[in-house]
Full PDB file with SEQRES, HELIX, SHEET, SSBOND, CRYST1, ORIGX, SCALE, CONECT and MASTER records, all heavy atoms in Angstrom:
SEQRES   1 A   38  PRO VAL LEU ALA ALA LEU GLY ARG ALA GLY ASP GLU ALA          
SEQRES   2 A   38  GLY LEU VAL PRO LEU ILE ILE ALA LEU GLY ASP ARG ALA          
SEQRES   3 A   38  ARG SER VAL ARG GLU ALA ALA ILE LEU ALA LEU ALA              
HELIX    1 AA1 VAL A    2  ALA A    9  1                                   8    
HELIX    2 AA2 GLU A   12  GLY A   14  5                                   3    
HELIX    3 AA3 LEU A   15  ALA A   21  1                                   7    
HELIX    4 AA4 ARG A   27  LEU A   37  1                                  11    
CRYST1    1.000    1.000    1.000  90.00  90.00  90.00 P 1           1          
ORIGX1      1.000000  0.000000  0.000000        0.00000                         
ORIGX2      0.000000  1.000000  0.000000        0.00000                         
ORIGX3      0.000000  0.000000  1.000000        0.00000                         
SCALE1      1.000000  0.000000  0.000000        0.00000                         
SCALE2      0.000000  1.000000  0.000000        0.00000                         
SCALE3      0.000000  0.000000  1.000000        0.00000                         
ATOM      1  N   PRO A   1       0.588   1.466  11.459  1.00  0.00           N  
ATOM      2  CA  PRO A   1       0.146   2.511  10.615  1.00  0.00           C  
ATOM      3  C   PRO A   1      -0.771   1.951   9.492  1.00  0.00           C  
ATOM      4  O   PRO A   1      -1.661   2.609   9.067  1.00  0.00           O  
ATOM      5  CB  PRO A   1       1.335   3.280  10.184  1.00  0.00           C  
ATOM      6  CG  PRO A   1       2.537   2.481  10.306  1.00  0.00           C  
ATOM      7  CD  PRO A   1       2.135   1.520  11.610  1.00  0.00           C  
ATOM      8  N   VAL A   2      -0.346   0.843   8.906  1.00  0.00           N  
ATOM      9  CA  VAL A   2      -1.128   0.223   7.812  1.00  0.00           C  
ATOM     10  C   VAL A   2      -2.560  -0.129   8.347  1.00  0.00           C  
ATOM     11  O   VAL A   2      -3.557   0.137   7.584  1.00  0.00           O  
ATOM     12  CB  VAL A   2      -0.425  -0.977   7.243  1.00  0.00           C  
ATOM     13  CG1 VAL A   2      -1.339  -1.775   6.249  1.00  0.00           C  
ATOM     14  CG2 VAL A   2       0.874  -0.551   6.451  1.00  0.00           C  
ATOM     15  N   LEU A   3      -2.644  -0.742   9.527  1.00  0.00           N  
ATOM     16  CA  LEU A   3      -3.914  -0.953  10.024  1.00  0.00           C  
ATOM     17  C   LEU A   3      -4.863   0.194  10.233  1.00  0.00           C  
ATOM     18  O   LEU A   3      -6.064   0.153  10.024  1.00  0.00           O  
ATOM     19  CB  LEU A   3      -3.714  -1.830  11.382  1.00  0.00           C  
ATOM     20  CG  LEU A   3      -3.134  -3.297  11.228  1.00  0.00           C  
ATOM     21  CD1 LEU A   3      -2.838  -3.757  12.602  1.00  0.00           C  
ATOM     22  CD2 LEU A   3      -3.984  -4.189  10.425  1.00  0.00           C  
ATOM     23  N   ALA A   4      -4.138   1.303  10.769  1.00  0.00           N  
ATOM     24  CA  ALA A   4      -4.884   2.416  10.994  1.00  0.00           C  
ATOM     25  C   ALA A   4      -5.508   2.976   9.685  1.00  0.00           C  
ATOM     26  O   ALA A   4      -6.612   3.409   9.599  1.00  0.00           O  
ATOM     27  CB  ALA A   4      -4.024   3.600  11.596  1.00  0.00           C  
ATOM     28  N   ALA A   5      -4.647   2.821   8.598  1.00  0.00           N  
ATOM     29  CA  ALA A   5      -5.174   3.302   7.228  1.00  0.00           C  
ATOM     30  C   ALA A   5      -6.175   2.424   6.756  1.00  0.00           C  
ATOM     31  O   ALA A   5      -7.099   2.918   6.129  1.00  0.00           O  
ATOM     32  CB  ALA A   5      -3.953   3.324   6.293  1.00  0.00           C  
ATOM     33  N   LEU A   6      -6.154   1.088   7.101  1.00  0.00           N  
ATOM     34  CA  LEU A   6      -7.176   0.205   6.604  1.00  0.00           C  
ATOM     35  C   LEU A   6      -8.570   0.594   7.230  1.00  0.00           C  
ATOM     36  O   LEU A   6      -9.630   0.529   6.637  1.00  0.00           O  
ATOM     37  CB  LEU A   6      -6.842  -1.261   6.939  1.00  0.00           C  
ATOM     38  CG  LEU A   6      -5.853  -1.934   5.998  1.00  0.00           C  
ATOM     39  CD1 LEU A   6      -5.280  -3.288   6.592  1.00  0.00           C  
ATOM     40  CD2 LEU A   6      -6.417  -2.025   4.606  1.00  0.00           C  
ATOM     41  N   GLY A   7      -8.505   0.922   8.549  1.00  0.00           N  
ATOM     42  CA  GLY A   7      -9.656   1.404   9.156  1.00  0.00           C  
ATOM     43  C   GLY A   7     -10.303   2.661   8.539  1.00  0.00           C  
ATOM     44  O   GLY A   7     -11.439   2.755   8.335  1.00  0.00           O  
ATOM     45  N   ARG A   8      -9.371   3.589   8.275  1.00  0.00           N  
ATOM     46  CA  ARG A   8      -9.824   4.873   7.776  1.00  0.00           C  
ATOM     47  C   ARG A   8     -10.403   4.708   6.278  1.00  0.00           C  
ATOM     48  O   ARG A   8     -11.166   5.518   5.849  1.00  0.00           O  
ATOM     49  CB  ARG A   8      -8.711   5.787   7.712  1.00  0.00           C  
ATOM     50  CG  ARG A   8      -8.996   7.287   7.370  1.00  0.00           C  
ATOM     51  CD  ARG A   8      -7.974   8.280   7.546  1.00  0.00           C  
ATOM     52  NE  ARG A   8      -7.737   8.433   8.945  1.00  0.00           N  
ATOM     53  CZ  ARG A   8      -6.807   7.960   9.756  1.00  0.00           C  
ATOM     54  NH1 ARG A   8      -5.911   7.165   9.246  1.00  0.00           N  
ATOM     55  NH2 ARG A   8      -6.809   8.121  11.033  1.00  0.00           N  
ATOM     56  N   ALA A   9      -9.968   3.688   5.547  1.00  0.00           N  
ATOM     57  CA  ALA A   9     -10.341   3.464   4.200  1.00  0.00           C  
ATOM     58  C   ALA A   9     -11.851   3.267   4.126  1.00  0.00           C  
ATOM     59  O   ALA A   9     -12.463   3.515   3.179  1.00  0.00           O  
ATOM     60  CB  ALA A   9      -9.612   2.286   3.550  1.00  0.00           C  
ATOM     61  N   GLY A  10     -12.491   2.667   5.166  1.00  0.00           N  
ATOM     62  CA  GLY A  10     -13.895   2.449   5.232  1.00  0.00           C  
ATOM     63  C   GLY A  10     -14.309   1.410   4.107  1.00  0.00           C  
ATOM     64  O   GLY A  10     -15.444   1.392   3.790  1.00  0.00           O  
ATOM     65  N   ASP A  11     -13.419   0.588   3.816  1.00  0.00           N  
ATOM     66  CA  ASP A  11     -13.652  -0.466   2.645  1.00  0.00           C  
ATOM     67  C   ASP A  11     -13.667  -1.950   3.392  1.00  0.00           C  
ATOM     68  O   ASP A  11     -12.699  -2.315   4.014  1.00  0.00           O  
ATOM     69  CB  ASP A  11     -12.571  -0.387   1.629  1.00  0.00           C  
ATOM     70  CG  ASP A  11     -12.743  -1.185   0.360  1.00  0.00           C  
ATOM     71  OD1 ASP A  11     -13.444  -2.254   0.580  1.00  0.00           O  
ATOM     72  OD2 ASP A  11     -12.414  -0.726  -0.775  1.00  0.00           O  
ATOM     73  N   GLU A  12     -14.713  -2.585   3.068  1.00  0.00           N  
ATOM     74  CA  GLU A  12     -14.781  -3.951   3.706  1.00  0.00           C  
ATOM     75  C   GLU A  12     -13.803  -4.845   3.350  1.00  0.00           C  
ATOM     76  O   GLU A  12     -13.484  -5.862   4.000  1.00  0.00           O  
ATOM     77  CB  GLU A  12     -16.150  -4.554   3.273  1.00  0.00           C  
ATOM     78  CG  GLU A  12     -17.376  -3.950   3.902  1.00  0.00           C  
ATOM     79  CD  GLU A  12     -18.590  -4.594   3.332  1.00  0.00           C  
ATOM     80  OE1 GLU A  12     -19.004  -5.722   3.621  1.00  0.00           O  
ATOM     81  OE2 GLU A  12     -19.118  -4.007   2.337  1.00  0.00           O  
ATOM     82  N   ALA A  13     -12.969  -4.519   2.236  1.00  0.00           N  
ATOM     83  CA  ALA A  13     -11.906  -5.370   1.687  1.00  0.00           C  
ATOM     84  C   ALA A  13     -10.789  -5.423   2.798  1.00  0.00           C  
ATOM     85  O   ALA A  13      -9.887  -6.333   2.728  1.00  0.00           O  
ATOM     86  CB  ALA A  13     -11.419  -4.966   0.312  1.00  0.00           C  
ATOM     87  N   GLY A  14     -10.819  -4.452   3.702  1.00  0.00           N  
ATOM     88  CA  GLY A  14      -9.753  -4.421   4.653  1.00  0.00           C  
ATOM     89  C   GLY A  14     -10.166  -5.114   5.939  1.00  0.00           C  
ATOM     90  O   GLY A  14      -9.397  -5.215   6.921  1.00  0.00           O  
ATOM     91  N   LEU A  15     -11.269  -5.672   5.937  1.00  0.00           N  
ATOM     92  CA  LEU A  15     -11.880  -6.298   7.231  1.00  0.00           C  
ATOM     93  C   LEU A  15     -10.945  -7.508   7.688  1.00  0.00           C  
ATOM     94  O   LEU A  15     -10.609  -7.793   8.846  1.00  0.00           O  
ATOM     95  CB  LEU A  15     -13.361  -6.657   7.055  1.00  0.00           C  
ATOM     96  CG  LEU A  15     -14.062  -7.348   8.314  1.00  0.00           C  
ATOM     97  CD1 LEU A  15     -13.925  -6.520   9.503  1.00  0.00           C  
ATOM     98  CD2 LEU A  15     -15.489  -7.619   7.920  1.00  0.00           C  
ATOM     99  N   VAL A  16     -10.872  -8.504   6.717  1.00  0.00           N  
ATOM    100  CA  VAL A  16     -10.176  -9.823   7.077  1.00  0.00           C  
ATOM    101  C   VAL A  16      -8.709  -9.474   7.637  1.00  0.00           C  
ATOM    102  O   VAL A  16      -8.351 -10.104   8.734  1.00  0.00           O  
ATOM    103  CB  VAL A  16     -10.131 -10.685   5.927  1.00  0.00           C  
ATOM    104  CG1 VAL A  16      -9.252 -11.886   6.171  1.00  0.00           C  
ATOM    105  CG2 VAL A  16     -11.589 -11.190   5.569  1.00  0.00           C  
ATOM    106  N   PRO A  17      -7.945  -8.591   7.030  1.00  0.00           N  
ATOM    107  CA  PRO A  17      -6.521  -8.351   7.664  1.00  0.00           C  
ATOM    108  C   PRO A  17      -6.766  -7.711   8.981  1.00  0.00           C  
ATOM    109  O   PRO A  17      -5.770  -8.158   9.882  1.00  0.00           O  
ATOM    110  CB  PRO A  17      -5.986  -7.349   6.629  1.00  0.00           C  
ATOM    111  CG  PRO A  17      -6.665  -7.649   5.280  1.00  0.00           C  
ATOM    112  CD  PRO A  17      -8.009  -7.962   5.683  1.00  0.00           C  
ATOM    113  N   LEU A  18      -7.747  -6.895   9.241  1.00  0.00           N  
ATOM    114  CA  LEU A  18      -7.928  -6.348  10.600  1.00  0.00           C  
ATOM    115  C   LEU A  18      -8.206  -7.509  11.675  1.00  0.00           C  
ATOM    116  O   LEU A  18      -7.644  -7.489  12.751  1.00  0.00           O  
ATOM    117  CB  LEU A  18      -9.009  -5.292  10.577  1.00  0.00           C  
ATOM    118  CG  LEU A  18      -8.691  -4.012   9.720  1.00  0.00           C  
ATOM    119  CD1 LEU A  18      -9.843  -3.064   9.775  1.00  0.00           C  
ATOM    120  CD2 LEU A  18      -7.456  -3.354  10.402  1.00  0.00           C  
ATOM    121  N   ILE A  19      -9.074  -8.343  11.278  1.00  0.00           N  
ATOM    122  CA  ILE A  19      -9.446  -9.392  12.186  1.00  0.00           C  
ATOM    123  C   ILE A  19      -8.232 -10.335  12.472  1.00  0.00           C  
ATOM    124  O   ILE A  19      -7.939 -10.667  13.611  1.00  0.00           O  
ATOM    125  CB  ILE A  19     -10.704 -10.232  11.665  1.00  0.00           C  
ATOM    126  CG1 ILE A  19     -11.900  -9.427  11.677  1.00  0.00           C  
ATOM    127  CG2 ILE A  19     -10.875 -11.509  12.541  1.00  0.00           C  
ATOM    128  CD1 ILE A  19     -13.075 -10.010  10.983  1.00  0.00           C  
ATOM    129  N   ILE A  20      -7.496 -10.584  11.445  1.00  0.00           N  
ATOM    130  CA  ILE A  20      -6.269 -11.465  11.607  1.00  0.00           C  
ATOM    131  C   ILE A  20      -5.240 -10.806  12.536  1.00  0.00           C  
ATOM    132  O   ILE A  20      -4.670 -11.441  13.472  1.00  0.00           O  
ATOM    133  CB  ILE A  20      -5.571 -11.792  10.200  1.00  0.00           C  
ATOM    134  CG1 ILE A  20      -6.466 -12.716   9.445  1.00  0.00           C  
ATOM    135  CG2 ILE A  20      -4.259 -12.316  10.406  1.00  0.00           C  
ATOM    136  CD1 ILE A  20      -6.173 -12.876   8.031  1.00  0.00           C  
ATOM    137  N   ALA A  21      -5.148  -9.464  12.392  1.00  0.00           N  
ATOM    138  CA  ALA A  21      -4.206  -8.704  13.182  1.00  0.00           C  
ATOM    139  C   ALA A  21      -4.583  -8.762  14.572  1.00  0.00           C  
ATOM    140  O   ALA A  21      -3.700  -8.377  15.471  1.00  0.00           O  
ATOM    141  CB  ALA A  21      -4.032  -7.263  12.652  1.00  0.00           C  
ATOM    142  N   LEU A  22      -5.739  -9.029  14.984  1.00  0.00           N  
ATOM    143  CA  LEU A  22      -6.231  -9.086  16.451  1.00  0.00           C  
ATOM    144  C   LEU A  22      -5.349 -10.171  17.193  1.00  0.00           C  
ATOM    145  O   LEU A  22      -5.169 -10.089  18.440  1.00  0.00           O  
ATOM    146  CB  LEU A  22      -7.655  -9.350  16.628  1.00  0.00           C  
ATOM    147  CG  LEU A  22      -8.622  -8.260  16.260  1.00  0.00           C  
ATOM    148  CD1 LEU A  22      -9.977  -8.704  16.203  1.00  0.00           C  
ATOM    149  CD2 LEU A  22      -8.333  -7.074  17.068  1.00  0.00           C  
ATOM    150  N   GLY A  23      -4.817 -11.089  16.443  1.00  0.00           N  
ATOM    151  CA  GLY A  23      -4.039 -12.122  17.100  1.00  0.00           C  
ATOM    152  C   GLY A  23      -2.455 -11.915  16.969  1.00  0.00           C  
ATOM    153  O   GLY A  23      -1.720 -12.887  17.243  1.00  0.00           O  
ATOM    154  N   ASP A  24      -2.299 -10.713  16.489  1.00  0.00           N  
ATOM    155  CA  ASP A  24      -0.753 -10.442  16.422  1.00  0.00           C  
ATOM    156  C   ASP A  24       0.036 -10.557  17.810  1.00  0.00           C  
ATOM    157  O   ASP A  24      -0.556 -10.242  18.897  1.00  0.00           O  
ATOM    158  CB  ASP A  24      -0.377  -9.112  15.861  1.00  0.00           C  
ATOM    159  CG  ASP A  24       0.904  -8.831  15.188  1.00  0.00           C  
ATOM    160  OD1 ASP A  24       1.790  -8.495  16.055  1.00  0.00           O  
ATOM    161  OD2 ASP A  24       1.080  -9.037  14.034  1.00  0.00           O  
ATOM    162  N   ARG A  25       1.352 -10.959  17.708  1.00  0.00           N  
ATOM    163  CA  ARG A  25       2.078 -10.934  19.082  1.00  0.00           C  
ATOM    164  C   ARG A  25       2.289  -9.682  19.724  1.00  0.00           C  
ATOM    165  O   ARG A  25       2.356  -9.579  20.863  1.00  0.00           O  
ATOM    166  CB  ARG A  25       3.432 -11.682  18.743  1.00  0.00           C  
ATOM    167  CG  ARG A  25       3.395 -13.057  18.181  1.00  0.00           C  
ATOM    168  CD  ARG A  25       4.834 -13.565  18.002  1.00  0.00           C  
ATOM    169  NE  ARG A  25       4.900 -14.959  17.641  1.00  0.00           N  
ATOM    170  CZ  ARG A  25       5.930 -15.671  17.340  1.00  0.00           C  
ATOM    171  NH1 ARG A  25       7.093 -14.984  17.455  1.00  0.00           N  
ATOM    172  NH2 ARG A  25       5.803 -16.844  16.937  1.00  0.00           N  
ATOM    173  N   ALA A  26       2.509  -8.548  18.905  1.00  0.00           N  
ATOM    174  CA  ALA A  26       2.762  -7.284  19.419  1.00  0.00           C  
ATOM    175  C   ALA A  26       1.423  -6.727  19.934  1.00  0.00           C  
ATOM    176  O   ALA A  26       0.507  -6.365  19.151  1.00  0.00           O  
ATOM    177  CB  ALA A  26       3.404  -6.453  18.370  1.00  0.00           C  
ATOM    178  N   ARG A  27       1.536  -6.161  21.151  1.00  0.00           N  
ATOM    179  CA  ARG A  27       0.394  -5.328  21.680  1.00  0.00           C  
ATOM    180  C   ARG A  27      -0.007  -4.174  20.849  1.00  0.00           C  
ATOM    181  O   ARG A  27      -1.276  -3.796  20.609  1.00  0.00           O  
ATOM    182  CB  ARG A  27       0.673  -5.058  23.123  1.00  0.00           C  
ATOM    183  CG  ARG A  27      -0.415  -4.102  23.655  1.00  0.00           C  
ATOM    184  CD  ARG A  27      -0.211  -3.824  25.248  1.00  0.00           C  
ATOM    185  NE  ARG A  27      -1.062  -2.820  25.803  1.00  0.00           N  
ATOM    186  CZ  ARG A  27      -1.152  -2.536  27.008  1.00  0.00           C  
ATOM    187  NH1 ARG A  27      -0.344  -3.086  27.952  1.00  0.00           N  
ATOM    188  NH2 ARG A  27      -2.023  -1.531  27.461  1.00  0.00           N  
ATOM    189  N   SER A  28       1.037  -3.508  20.365  1.00  0.00           N  
ATOM    190  CA  SER A  28       0.751  -2.263  19.644  1.00  0.00           C  
ATOM    191  C   SER A  28      -0.015  -2.460  18.375  1.00  0.00           C  
ATOM    192  O   SER A  28      -0.879  -1.794  17.984  1.00  0.00           O  
ATOM    193  CB  SER A  28       2.046  -1.538  19.309  1.00  0.00           C  
ATOM    194  OG  SER A  28       2.982  -2.352  18.434  1.00  0.00           O  
ATOM    195  N   VAL A  29       0.251  -3.762  17.744  1.00  0.00           N  
ATOM    196  CA  VAL A  29      -0.422  -4.079  16.533  1.00  0.00           C  
ATOM    197  C   VAL A  29      -1.849  -4.466  16.825  1.00  0.00           C  
ATOM    198  O   VAL A  29      -2.811  -4.127  16.157  1.00  0.00           O  
ATOM    199  CB  VAL A  29       0.336  -5.205  15.837  1.00  0.00           C  
ATOM    200  CG1 VAL A  29      -0.434  -5.661  14.626  1.00  0.00           C  
ATOM    201  CG2 VAL A  29       1.762  -4.682  15.406  1.00  0.00           C  
ATOM    202  N   ARG A  30      -2.031  -5.204  17.892  1.00  0.00           N  
ATOM    203  CA  ARG A  30      -3.374  -5.620  18.250  1.00  0.00           C  
ATOM    204  C   ARG A  30      -4.222  -4.434  18.623  1.00  0.00           C  
ATOM    205  O   ARG A  30      -5.405  -4.335  18.201  1.00  0.00           O  
ATOM    206  CB  ARG A  30      -3.362  -6.582  19.521  1.00  0.00           C  
ATOM    207  CG  ARG A  30      -2.628  -7.932  19.303  1.00  0.00           C  
ATOM    208  CD  ARG A  30      -2.877  -8.908  20.430  1.00  0.00           C  
ATOM    209  NE  ARG A  30      -2.589  -8.320  21.756  1.00  0.00           N  
ATOM    210  CZ  ARG A  30      -1.346  -8.473  22.285  1.00  0.00           C  
ATOM    211  NH1 ARG A  30      -0.337  -9.177  21.616  1.00  0.00           N  
ATOM    212  NH2 ARG A  30      -1.019  -8.023  23.518  1.00  0.00           N  
ATOM    213  N   GLU A  31      -3.663  -3.553  19.275  1.00  0.00           N  
ATOM    214  CA  GLU A  31      -4.507  -2.277  19.688  1.00  0.00           C  
ATOM    215  C   GLU A  31      -4.764  -1.448  18.461  1.00  0.00           C  
ATOM    216  O   GLU A  31      -5.858  -0.938  18.237  1.00  0.00           O  
ATOM    217  CB  GLU A  31      -3.770  -1.413  20.604  1.00  0.00           C  
ATOM    218  CG  GLU A  31      -3.676  -2.146  22.100  1.00  0.00           C  
ATOM    219  CD  GLU A  31      -3.116  -1.290  23.195  1.00  0.00           C  
ATOM    220  OE1 GLU A  31      -2.465  -0.343  22.809  1.00  0.00           O  
ATOM    221  OE2 GLU A  31      -3.233  -1.611  24.278  1.00  0.00           O  
ATOM    222  N   ALA A  32      -3.756  -1.454  17.440  1.00  0.00           N  
ATOM    223  CA  ALA A  32      -4.055  -0.570  16.212  1.00  0.00           C  
ATOM    224  C   ALA A  32      -5.061  -1.301  15.466  1.00  0.00           C  
ATOM    225  O   ALA A  32      -6.007  -0.677  14.839  1.00  0.00           O  
ATOM    226  CB  ALA A  32      -2.774  -0.690  15.428  1.00  0.00           C  
ATOM    227  N   ALA A  33      -5.243  -2.765  15.404  1.00  0.00           N  
ATOM    228  CA  ALA A  33      -6.344  -3.492  14.736  1.00  0.00           C  
ATOM    229  C   ALA A  33      -7.722  -3.153  15.496  1.00  0.00           C  
ATOM    230  O   ALA A  33      -8.726  -3.004  14.827  1.00  0.00           O  
ATOM    231  CB  ALA A  33      -5.974  -4.919  14.823  1.00  0.00           C  
ATOM    232  N   ILE A  34      -7.661  -3.046  16.723  1.00  0.00           N  
ATOM    233  CA  ILE A  34      -8.933  -2.880  17.591  1.00  0.00           C  
ATOM    234  C   ILE A  34      -9.430  -1.374  17.108  1.00  0.00           C  
ATOM    235  O   ILE A  34     -10.634  -1.228  16.832  1.00  0.00           O  
ATOM    236  CB  ILE A  34      -8.778  -2.942  19.114  1.00  0.00           C  
ATOM    237  CG1 ILE A  34      -8.397  -4.310  19.373  1.00  0.00           C  
ATOM    238  CG2 ILE A  34      -9.845  -2.310  19.856  1.00  0.00           C  
ATOM    239  CD1 ILE A  34      -7.956  -4.532  20.848  1.00  0.00           C  
ATOM    240  N   LEU A  35      -8.557  -0.413  17.152  1.00  0.00           N  
ATOM    241  CA  LEU A  35      -8.892   0.932  16.792  1.00  0.00           C  
ATOM    242  C   LEU A  35      -9.384   1.074  15.299  1.00  0.00           C  
ATOM    243  O   LEU A  35     -10.355   1.613  15.027  1.00  0.00           O  
ATOM    244  CB  LEU A  35      -7.799   1.819  17.013  1.00  0.00           C  
ATOM    245  CG  LEU A  35      -7.348   2.172  18.417  1.00  0.00           C  
ATOM    246  CD1 LEU A  35      -5.937   2.770  18.466  1.00  0.00           C  
ATOM    247  CD2 LEU A  35      -8.349   3.189  19.065  1.00  0.00           C  
ATOM    248  N   ALA A  36      -8.743   0.218  14.430  1.00  0.00           N  
ATOM    249  CA  ALA A  36      -9.104   0.298  13.064  1.00  0.00           C  
ATOM    250  C   ALA A  36     -10.440  -0.384  12.822  1.00  0.00           C  
ATOM    251  O   ALA A  36     -11.199   0.135  11.960  1.00  0.00           O  
ATOM    252  CB  ALA A  36      -7.957  -0.277  12.255  1.00  0.00           C  
ATOM    253  N   LEU A  37     -10.760  -1.499  13.593  1.00  0.00           N  
ATOM    254  CA  LEU A  37     -11.964  -2.078  13.388  1.00  0.00           C  
ATOM    255  C   LEU A  37     -13.147  -1.201  13.754  1.00  0.00           C  
ATOM    256  O   LEU A  37     -14.101  -1.147  13.110  1.00  0.00           O  
ATOM    257  CB  LEU A  37     -12.077  -3.352  14.255  1.00  0.00           C  
ATOM    258  CG  LEU A  37     -11.534  -4.700  13.508  1.00  0.00           C  
ATOM    259  CD1 LEU A  37     -11.456  -5.793  14.523  1.00  0.00           C  
ATOM    260  CD2 LEU A  37     -12.513  -5.113  12.397  1.00  0.00           C  
ATOM    261  N   ALA A  38     -13.005  -0.537  14.860  1.00  0.00           N  
ATOM    262  CA  ALA A  38     -14.032   0.394  15.296  1.00  0.00           C  
ATOM    263  C   ALA A  38     -14.164   1.552  14.255  1.00  0.00           C  
ATOM    264  O   ALA A  38     -15.359   1.940  13.944  1.00  0.00           O  
ATOM    265  CB  ALA A  38     -13.595   0.838  16.675  1.00  0.00           C  
TER     266      ALA A  38                                                      
MASTER        0    0    0    4    0    0    0    6  265    1    0    3          
END                                                                             
């Protein structure tokens, strides 16, 4: 849910955490990061 909120914030300051989360072990977290980046 934090990643989803970072995507919704529309603030570039959230970009690096989203990219890092693409490598998370959990599929649910990776998919949340993908949705948030888009």
